[in-house]
């Protein structure tokens, strides 16, 4: 093989590896994406609770007594320790 052909083949192999990695990375959903899909599939509210759920202060993410806030996905994970979005 000539040097030019070797360089072309090596370049194609590298390009295929980069494309393959990008495809694999895109195929893997984040925890947040899995939770959002689970919420939609199960007709839940934005916090993973039944649609008719009412919260003091309008959101379960803020504790009015302590002034502390919690991340939405942490809230959902705490309330669903069985992780139904992974099933």
PDB file of N, CA and C in Angstrom:
ATOM      1  N   UNK A   1       0.845  -1.182   0.000  1.00  0.00           N
ATOM      2  CA  UNK A   1       0.000   0.000   0.000  1.00  0.00           C
ATOM      3  C   UNK A   1       0.884   1.236   0.000  1.00  0.00           C
ATOM      4  N   UNK A   2       0.414   2.223  -0.694  1.00  0.00           N
ATOM      5  CA  UNK A   2       1.167   3.474  -0.708  1.00  0.00           C
ATOM      6  C   UNK A   2       0.842   4.278   0.541  1.00  0.00           C
ATOM      7  N   UNK A   3       1.691   5.235   0.843  1.00  0.00           N
ATOM      8  CA  UNK A   3       1.494   6.085   2.019  1.00  0.00           C
ATOM      9  C   UNK A   3       0.169   6.824   1.934  1.00  0.00           C
ATOM     10  N   UNK A   4      -0.186   7.271   0.742  1.00  0.00           N
ATOM     11  CA  UNK A   4      -1.439   8.012   0.560  1.00  0.00           C
ATOM     12  C   UNK A   4      -2.649   7.132   0.899  1.00  0.00           C
ATOM     13  N   UNK A   5      -2.615   5.866   0.458  1.00  0.00           N
ATOM     14  CA  UNK A   5      -3.723   4.946   0.739  1.00  0.00           C
ATOM     15  C   UNK A   5      -3.809   4.642   2.230  1.00  0.00           C
ATOM     16  N   UNK A   6      -2.658   4.488   2.867  1.00  0.00           N
ATOM     17  CA  UNK A   6      -2.634   4.209   4.302  1.00  0.00           C
ATOM     18  C   UNK A   6      -3.246   5.369   5.083  1.00  0.00           C
ATOM     19  N   UNK A   7      -2.895   6.573   4.683  1.00  0.00           N
ATOM     20  CA  UNK A   7      -3.443   7.760   5.350  1.00  0.00           C
ATOM     21  C   UNK A   7      -4.950   7.838   5.147  1.00  0.00           C
ATOM     22  N   UNK A   8      -5.420   7.545   3.956  1.00  0.00           N
ATOM     23  CA  UNK A   8      -6.858   7.580   3.672  1.00  0.00           C
ATOM     24  C   UNK A   8      -7.590   6.526   4.499  1.00  0.00           C
ATOM     25  N   UNK A   9      -7.066   5.309   4.530  1.00  0.00           N
ATOM     26  CA  UNK A   9      -7.697   4.230   5.292  1.00  0.00           C
ATOM     27  C   UNK A   9      -7.705   4.571   6.785  1.00  0.00           C
ATOM     28  N   UNK A  10      -6.582   5.067   7.297  1.00  0.00           N
ATOM     29  CA  UNK A  10      -6.515   5.446   8.716  1.00  0.00           C
ATOM     30  C   UNK A  10      -7.515   6.552   9.014  1.00  0.00           C
ATOM     31  N   UNK A  11      -7.627   7.518   8.141  1.00  0.00           N
ATOM     32  CA  UNK A  11      -8.594   8.605   8.318  1.00  0.00           C
ATOM     33  C   UNK A  11     -10.022   8.101   8.333  1.00  0.00           C
ATOM     34  N   UNK A  12     -10.331   7.150   7.447  1.00  0.00           N
ATOM     35  CA  UNK A  12     -11.680   6.579   7.410  1.00  0.00           C
ATOM     36  C   UNK A  12     -11.981   5.792   8.683  1.00  0.00           C
ATOM     37  N   UNK A  13     -10.993   5.070   9.178  1.00  0.00           N
ATOM     38  CA  UNK A  13     -11.192   4.315  10.416  1.00  0.00           C
ATOM     39  C   UNK A  13     -11.459   5.268  11.585  1.00  0.00           C
ATOM     40  N   UNK A  14     -10.706   6.320  11.677  1.00  0.00           N
ATOM     41  CA  UNK A  14     -10.903   7.309  12.739  1.00  0.00           C
ATOM     42  C   UNK A  14     -12.267   7.964  12.604  1.00  0.00           C
ATOM     43  N   UNK A  15     -12.642   8.329  11.386  1.00  0.00           N
ATOM     44  CA  UNK A  15     -13.944   8.952  11.148  1.00  0.00           C
ATOM     45  C   UNK A  15     -15.076   8.012  11.554  1.00  0.00           C
ATOM     46  N   UNK A  16     -14.963   6.736  11.208  1.00  0.00           N
ATOM     47  CA  UNK A  16     -15.994   5.766  11.573  1.00  0.00           C
ATOM     48  C   UNK A  16     -16.082   5.614  13.089  1.00  0.00           C
ATOM     49  N   UNK A  17     -14.942   5.629  13.758  1.00  0.00           N
ATOM     50  CA  UNK A  17     -14.943   5.515  15.217  1.00  0.00           C
ATOM     51  C   UNK A  17     -15.621   6.720  15.856  1.00  0.00           C
ATOM     52  N   UNK A  18     -15.336   7.912  15.361  1.00  0.00           N
ATOM     53  CA  UNK A  18     -15.946   9.134  15.894  1.00  0.00           C
ATOM     54  C   UNK A  18     -17.450   9.115  15.658  1.00  0.00           C
ATOM     55  N   UNK A  19     -17.878   8.730  14.476  1.00  0.00           N
ATOM     56  CA  UNK A  19     -19.310   8.669  14.169  1.00  0.00           C
ATOM     57  C   UNK A  19     -19.993   7.622  15.046  1.00  0.00           C
ATOM     58  N   UNK A  20     -19.362   6.463  15.211  1.00  0.00           N
ATOM     59  CA  UNK A  20     -19.921   5.417  16.063  1.00  0.00           C
ATOM     60  C   UNK A  20     -20.079   5.877  17.500  1.00  0.00           C
ATOM     61  N   UNK A  21     -19.080   6.570  18.021  1.00  0.00           N
ATOM     62  CA  UNK A  21     -19.155   7.089  19.385  1.00  0.00           C
ATOM     63  C   UNK A  21     -20.296   8.091  19.518  1.00  0.00           C
ATOM     64  N   UNK A  22     -20.445   8.969  18.522  1.00  0.00           N
ATOM     65  CA  UNK A  22     -21.518   9.968  18.559  1.00  0.00           C
ATOM     66  C   UNK A  22     -22.880   9.290  18.543  1.00  0.00           C
ATOM     67  N   UNK A  23     -23.031   8.243  17.761  1.00  0.00           N
ATOM     68  CA  UNK A  23     -24.301   7.522  17.695  1.00  0.00           C
ATOM     69  C   UNK A  23     -24.601   6.853  19.025  1.00  0.00           C
ATOM     70  N   UNK A  24     -23.594   6.211  19.615  1.00  0.00           N
ATOM     71  CA  UNK A  24     -23.793   5.565  20.914  1.00  0.00           C
ATOM     72  C   UNK A  24     -24.147   6.578  21.991  1.00  0.00           C
ATOM     73  N   UNK A  25     -23.481   7.714  21.973  1.00  0.00           N
ATOM     74  CA  UNK A  25     -23.736   8.747  22.974  1.00  0.00           C
ATOM     75  C   UNK A  25     -25.159   9.280  22.834  1.00  0.00           C
ATOM     76  N   UNK A  26     -25.603   9.501  21.609  1.00  0.00           N
ATOM     77  CA  UNK A  26     -26.955  10.005  21.378  1.00  0.00           C
ATOM     78  C   UNK A  26     -27.998   8.977  21.767  1.00  0.00           C
ATOM     79  N   UNK A  27     -27.664   7.696  21.668  1.00  0.00           N
ATOM     80  CA  UNK A  27     -28.611   6.632  21.993  1.00  0.00           C
ATOM     81  C   UNK A  27     -28.840   6.489  23.486  1.00  0.00           C
ATOM     82  N   UNK A  28     -27.951   7.012  24.288  1.00  0.00           N
ATOM     83  CA  UNK A  28     -28.067   6.904  25.739  1.00  0.00           C
ATOM     84  C   UNK A  28     -28.825   8.109  26.271  1.00  0.00           C
ATOM     85  N   UNK A  29     -29.947   7.836  26.910  1.00  0.00           N
ATOM     86  CA  UNK A  29     -30.764   8.919  27.447  1.00  0.00           C
ATOM     87  C   UNK A  29     -30.313   9.273  28.856  1.00  0.00           C
ATOM     88  N   UNK A  30     -30.388  10.525  29.176  1.00  0.00           N
ATOM     89  CA  UNK A  30     -30.034  10.977  30.523  1.00  0.00           C
ATOM     90  C   UNK A  30     -31.150  10.612  31.490  1.00  0.00           C
ATOM     91  N   UNK A  31     -30.832  10.663  32.774  1.00  0.00           N
ATOM     92  CA  UNK A  31     -31.824  10.407  33.825  1.00  0.00           C
ATOM     93  C   UNK A  31     -33.014  11.340  33.644  1.00  0.00           C
ATOM     94  N   UNK A  32     -32.734  12.603  33.361  1.00  0.00           N
ATOM     95  CA  UNK A  32     -33.799  13.586  33.191  1.00  0.00           C
ATOM     96  C   UNK A  32     -34.693  13.243  32.004  1.00  0.00           C
ATOM     97  N   UNK A  33     -34.096  12.816  30.903  1.00  0.00           N
ATOM     98  CA  UNK A  33     -34.882  12.453  29.724  1.00  0.00           C
ATOM     99  C   UNK A  33     -35.750  11.233  30.006  1.00  0.00           C
ATOM    100  N   UNK A  34     -35.196  10.258  30.724  1.00  0.00           N
ATOM    101  CA  UNK A  34     -35.971   9.069  31.079  1.00  0.00           C
ATOM    102  C   UNK A  34     -37.148   9.429  31.979  1.00  0.00           C
ATOM    103  N   UNK A  35     -36.913  10.308  32.949  1.00  0.00           N
ATOM    104  CA  UNK A  35     -37.987  10.728  33.853  1.00  0.00           C
ATOM    105  C   UNK A  35     -39.067  11.475  33.085  1.00  0.00           C
ATOM    106  N   UNK A  36     -38.678  12.377  32.209  1.00  0.00           N
ATOM    107  CA  UNK A  36     -39.668  13.140  31.434  1.00  0.00           C
ATOM    108  C   UNK A  36     -40.505  12.212  30.560  1.00  0.00           C
ATOM    109  N   UNK A  37     -39.886  11.210  29.953  1.00  0.00           N
ATOM    110  CA  UNK A  37     -40.631  10.250  29.132  1.00  0.00           C
ATOM    111  C   UNK A  37     -41.600   9.451  29.999  1.00  0.00           C
ATOM    112  N   UNK A  38     -41.146   9.038  31.178  1.00  0.00           N
ATOM    113  CA  UNK A  38     -41.990   8.287  32.115  1.00  0.00           C
ATOM    114  C   UNK A  38     -43.193   9.130  32.542  1.00  0.00           C
ATOM    115  N   UNK A  39     -42.969  10.410  32.820  1.00  0.00           N
ATOM    116  CA  UNK A  39     -44.057  11.313  33.205  1.00  0.00           C
ATOM    117  C   UNK A  39     -45.111  11.383  32.106  1.00  0.00           C
ATOM    118  N   UNK A  40     -44.667  11.562  30.869  1.00  0.00           N
ATOM    119  CA  UNK A  40     -45.608  11.646  29.741  1.00  0.00           C
ATOM    120  C   UNK A  40     -46.352  10.334  29.527  1.00  0.00           C
ATOM    121  N   UNK A  41     -45.630   9.226  29.572  1.00  0.00           N
ATOM    122  CA  UNK A  41     -46.243   7.915  29.340  1.00  0.00           C
ATOM    123  C   UNK A  41     -47.292   7.565  30.389  1.00  0.00           C
ATOM    124  N   UNK A  42     -47.115   8.083  31.597  1.00  0.00           N
ATOM    125  CA  UNK A  42     -48.021   7.746  32.694  1.00  0.00           C
ATOM    126  C   UNK A  42     -49.000   8.858  33.037  1.00  0.00           C
ATOM    127  N   UNK A  43     -49.050   9.891  32.202  1.00  0.00           N
ATOM    128  CA  UNK A  43     -49.983  11.004  32.372  1.00  0.00           C
ATOM    129  C   UNK A  43     -49.900  11.618  33.773  1.00  0.00           C
ATOM    130  N   UNK A  44     -48.671  11.886  34.211  1.00  0.00           N
ATOM    131  CA  UNK A  44     -48.440  12.481  35.529  1.00  0.00           C
ATOM    132  C   UNK A  44     -48.209  13.975  35.384  1.00  0.00           C
ATOM    133  N   UNK A  45     -48.219  14.692  36.512  1.00  0.00           N
ATOM    134  CA  UNK A  45     -47.912  16.119  36.444  1.00  0.00           C
ATOM    135  C   UNK A  45     -46.393  16.299  36.306  1.00  0.00           C
ATOM    136  N   UNK A  46     -45.940  17.516  36.215  1.00  0.00           N
ATOM    137  CA  UNK A  46     -44.524  17.785  35.966  1.00  0.00           C
ATOM    138  C   UNK A  46     -43.597  17.315  37.085  1.00  0.00           C
ATOM    139  N   UNK A  47     -44.174  16.957  38.231  1.00  0.00           N
ATOM    140  CA  UNK A  47     -43.384  16.499  39.375  1.00  0.00           C
ATOM    141  C   UNK A  47     -43.469  14.981  39.575  1.00  0.00           C
ATOM    142  N   UNK A  48     -44.083  14.276  38.631  1.00  0.00           N
ATOM    143  CA  UNK A  48     -44.187  12.825  38.720  1.00  0.00           C
ATOM    144  C   UNK A  48     -45.291  12.339  39.633  1.00  0.00           C
ATOM    145  N   UNK A  49     -46.197  13.222  39.991  1.00  0.00           N
ATOM    146  CA  UNK A  49     -47.334  12.877  40.844  1.00  0.00           C
ATOM    147  C   UNK A  49     -48.609  12.854  39.994  1.00  0.00           C
ATOM    148  N   UNK A  50     -49.704  12.287  40.535  1.00  0.00           N
ATOM    149  CA  UNK A  50     -50.966  12.319  39.779  1.00  0.00           C
ATOM    150  C   UNK A  50     -51.327  13.757  39.399  1.00  0.00           C
ATOM    151  N   UNK A  51     -51.961  13.910  38.245  1.00  0.00           N
ATOM    152  CA  UNK A  51     -52.283  15.245  37.709  1.00  0.00           C
ATOM    153  C   UNK A  51     -53.079  16.106  38.683  1.00  0.00           C
ATOM    154  N   UNK A  52     -53.948  15.475  39.475  1.00  0.00           N
ATOM    155  CA  UNK A  52     -54.820  16.253  40.361  1.00  0.00           C
ATOM    156  C   UNK A  52     -54.152  16.663  41.677  1.00  0.00           C
ATOM    157  N   UNK A  53     -52.883  16.345  41.855  1.00  0.00           N
ATOM    158  CA  UNK A  53     -52.176  16.683  43.095  1.00  0.00           C
ATOM    159  C   UNK A  53     -52.053  18.196  43.256  1.00  0.00           C
ATOM    160  N   UNK A  54     -52.375  18.685  44.464  1.00  0.00           N
ATOM    161  CA  UNK A  54     -52.283  20.108  44.793  1.00  0.00           C
ATOM    162  C   UNK A  54     -51.195  20.269  45.844  1.00  0.00           C
ATOM    163  N   UNK A  55     -50.374  21.304  45.699  1.00  0.00           N
ATOM    164  CA  UNK A  55     -49.253  21.527  46.607  1.00  0.00           C
ATOM    165  C   UNK A  55     -49.419  22.841  47.364  1.00  0.00           C
ATOM    166  N   UNK A  56     -49.061  22.815  48.645  1.00  0.00           N
ATOM    167  CA  UNK A  56     -49.034  24.037  49.433  1.00  0.00           C
ATOM    168  C   UNK A  56     -47.975  24.948  48.822  1.00  0.00           C
ATOM    169  N   UNK A  57     -48.323  26.168  48.536  1.00  0.00           N
ATOM    170  CA  UNK A  57     -47.378  27.089  47.921  1.00  0.00           C
ATOM    171  C   UNK A  57     -47.268  26.905  46.417  1.00  0.00           C
ATOM    172  N   UNK A  58     -47.992  25.937  45.867  1.00  0.00           N
ATOM    173  CA  UNK A  58     -48.023  25.749  44.414  1.00  0.00           C
ATOM    174  C   UNK A  58     -46.958  24.840  43.846  1.00  0.00           C
ATOM    175  N   UNK A  59     -45.968  24.452  44.638  1.00  0.00           N
ATOM    176  CA  UNK A  59     -44.913  23.574  44.148  1.00  0.00           C
ATOM    177  C   UNK A  59     -44.367  22.717  45.288  1.00  0.00           C
ATOM    178  N   UNK A  60     -44.011  21.467  44.995  1.00  0.00           N
ATOM    179  CA  UNK A  60     -43.408  20.638  46.031  1.00  0.00           C
ATOM    180  C   UNK A  60     -41.896  20.861  46.156  1.00  0.00           C
ATOM    181  N   UNK A  61     -41.377  21.732  45.317  1.00  0.00           N
ATOM    182  CA  UNK A  61     -39.929  21.931  45.281  1.00  0.00           C
ATOM    183  C   UNK A  61     -39.431  22.977  46.265  1.00  0.00           C
ATOM    184  N   UNK A  62     -40.362  23.664  46.925  1.00  0.00           N
ATOM    185  CA  UNK A  62     -39.968  24.714  47.866  1.00  0.00           C
ATOM    186  C   UNK A  62     -40.651  24.467  49.204  1.00  0.00           C
ATOM    187  N   UNK A  63     -39.867  24.392  50.255  1.00  0.00           N
ATOM    188  CA  UNK A  63     -40.395  24.202  51.611  1.00  0.00           C
ATOM    189  C   UNK A  63     -40.538  25.579  52.237  1.00  0.00           C
ATOM    190  N   UNK A  64     -41.773  26.042  52.398  1.00  0.00           N
ATOM    191  CA  UNK A  64     -42.019  27.382  52.945  1.00  0.00           C
ATOM    192  C   UNK A  64     -41.589  27.504  54.405  1.00  0.00           C
ATOM    193  N   UNK A  65     -41.568  26.395  55.123  1.00  0.00           N
ATOM    194  CA  UNK A  65     -41.178  26.448  56.535  1.00  0.00           C
ATOM    195  C   UNK A  65     -39.668  26.632  56.705  1.00  0.00           C
ATOM    196  N   UNK A  66     -38.891  26.000  55.829  1.00  0.00           N
ATOM    197  CA  UNK A  66     -37.432  26.083  55.963  1.00  0.00           C
ATOM    198  C   UNK A  66     -36.801  27.048  54.968  1.00  0.00           C
ATOM    199  N   UNK A  67     -37.542  27.383  53.912  1.00  0.00           N
ATOM    200  CA  UNK A  67     -37.001  28.242  52.860  1.00  0.00           C
ATOM    201  C   UNK A  67     -36.088  27.503  51.899  1.00  0.00           C
ATOM    202  N   UNK A  68     -36.034  26.178  52.012  1.00  0.00           N
ATOM    203  CA  UNK A  68     -35.163  25.377  51.157  1.00  0.00           C
ATOM    204  C   UNK A  68     -35.872  24.935  49.887  1.00  0.00           C
ATOM    205  N   UNK A  69     -35.097  24.850  48.825  1.00  0.00           N
ATOM    206  CA  UNK A  69     -35.598  24.349  47.550  1.00  0.00           C
ATOM    207  C   UNK A  69     -34.919  23.026  47.232  1.00  0.00           C
ATOM    208  N   UNK A  70     -35.578  22.237  46.399  1.00  0.00           N
ATOM    209  CA  UNK A  70     -35.024  20.961  45.966  1.00  0.00           C
ATOM    210  C   UNK A  70     -35.130  20.893  44.450  1.00  0.00           C
ATOM    211  N   UNK A  71     -34.190  20.227  43.842  1.00  0.00           N
ATOM    212  CA  UNK A  71     -34.208  20.009  42.394  1.00  0.00           C
ATOM    213  C   UNK A  71     -35.386  19.110  42.032  1.00  0.00           C
ATOM    214  N   UNK A  72     -36.016  19.382  40.918  1.00  0.00           N
ATOM    215  CA  UNK A  72     -37.174  18.614  40.471  1.00  0.00           C
ATOM    216  C   UNK A  72     -36.864  17.126  40.379  1.00  0.00           C
ATOM    217  N   UNK A  73     -35.727  16.779  39.801  1.00  0.00           N
ATOM    218  CA  UNK A  73     -35.401  15.371  39.601  1.00  0.00           C
ATOM    219  C   UNK A  73     -34.998  14.686  40.906  1.00  0.00           C
ATOM    220  N   UNK A  74     -34.448  15.443  41.845  1.00  0.00           N
ATOM    221  CA  UNK A  74     -34.182  14.893  43.174  1.00  0.00           C
ATOM    222  C   UNK A  74     -35.501  14.603  43.888  1.00  0.00           C
ATOM    223  N   UNK A  75     -36.457  15.523  43.757  1.00  0.00           N
ATOM    224  CA  UNK A  75     -37.783  15.333  44.346  1.00  0.00           C
ATOM    225  C   UNK A  75     -38.433  14.061  43.799  1.00  0.00           C
ATOM    226  N   UNK A  76     -38.406  13.929  42.488  1.00  0.00           N
ATOM    227  CA  UNK A  76     -39.031  12.770  41.850  1.00  0.00           C
ATOM    228  C   UNK A  76     -38.324  11.485  42.279  1.00  0.00           C
ATOM    229  N   UNK A  77     -37.004  11.507  42.317  1.00  0.00           N
ATOM    230  CA  UNK A  77     -36.245  10.321  42.729  1.00  0.00           C
ATOM    231  C   UNK A  77     -36.547   9.930  44.171  1.00  0.00           C
ATOM    232  N   UNK A  78     -36.673  10.908  45.048  1.00  0.00           N
ATOM    233  CA  UNK A  78     -36.987  10.619  46.454  1.00  0.00           C
ATOM    234  C   UNK A  78     -38.383  10.016  46.606  1.00  0.00           C
ATOM    235  N   UNK A  79     -39.318  10.494  45.803  1.00  0.00           N
ATOM    236  CA  UNK A  79     -40.699  10.017  45.903  1.00  0.00           C
ATOM    237  C   UNK A  79     -40.946   8.719  45.152  1.00  0.00           C
ATOM    238  N   UNK A  80     -39.992   8.305  44.331  1.00  0.00           N
ATOM    239  CA  UNK A  80     -40.124   7.064  43.555  1.00  0.00           C
ATOM    240  C   UNK A  80     -38.810   6.292  43.640  1.00  0.00           C
ATOM    241  N   UNK A  81     -38.483   5.780  44.856  1.00  0.00           N
ATOM    242  CA  UNK A  81     -37.200   5.096  45.033  1.00  0.00           C
ATOM    243  C   UNK A  81     -37.059   3.822  44.194  1.00  0.00           C
ATOM    244  N   UNK A  82     -38.178   3.315  43.664  1.00  0.00           N
ATOM    245  CA  UNK A  82     -38.123   2.124  42.815  1.00  0.00           C
ATOM    246  C   UNK A  82     -37.714   2.452  41.376  1.00  0.00           C
ATOM    247  N   UNK A  83     -37.527   3.738  41.078  1.00  0.00           N
ATOM    248  CA  UNK A  83     -37.067   4.215  39.763  1.00  0.00           C
ATOM    249  C   UNK A  83     -37.863   3.612  38.599  1.00  0.00           C
ATOM    250  N   UNK A  84     -39.184   3.857  38.561  1.00  0.00           N
ATOM    251  CA  UNK A  84     -40.016   3.236  37.511  1.00  0.00           C
ATOM    252  C   UNK A  84     -39.645   3.653  36.090  1.00  0.00           C
ATOM    253  N   UNK A  85     -38.944   4.749  35.917  1.00  0.00           N
ATOM    254  CA  UNK A  85     -38.556   5.195  34.575  1.00  0.00           C
ATOM    255  C   UNK A  85     -37.458   4.318  33.989  1.00  0.00           C
ATOM    256  N   UNK A  86     -36.844   3.455  34.798  1.00  0.00           N
ATOM    257  CA  UNK A  86     -35.805   2.552  34.304  1.00  0.00           C
ATOM    258  C   UNK A  86     -36.370   1.200  33.851  1.00  0.00           C
ATOM    259  N   UNK A  87     -37.652   1.011  34.081  1.00  0.00           N
ATOM    260  CA  UNK A  87     -38.273  -0.284  33.734  1.00  0.00           C
ATOM    261  C   UNK A  87     -38.799  -0.297  32.329  1.00  0.00           C
TER     262      UNK A  87
END
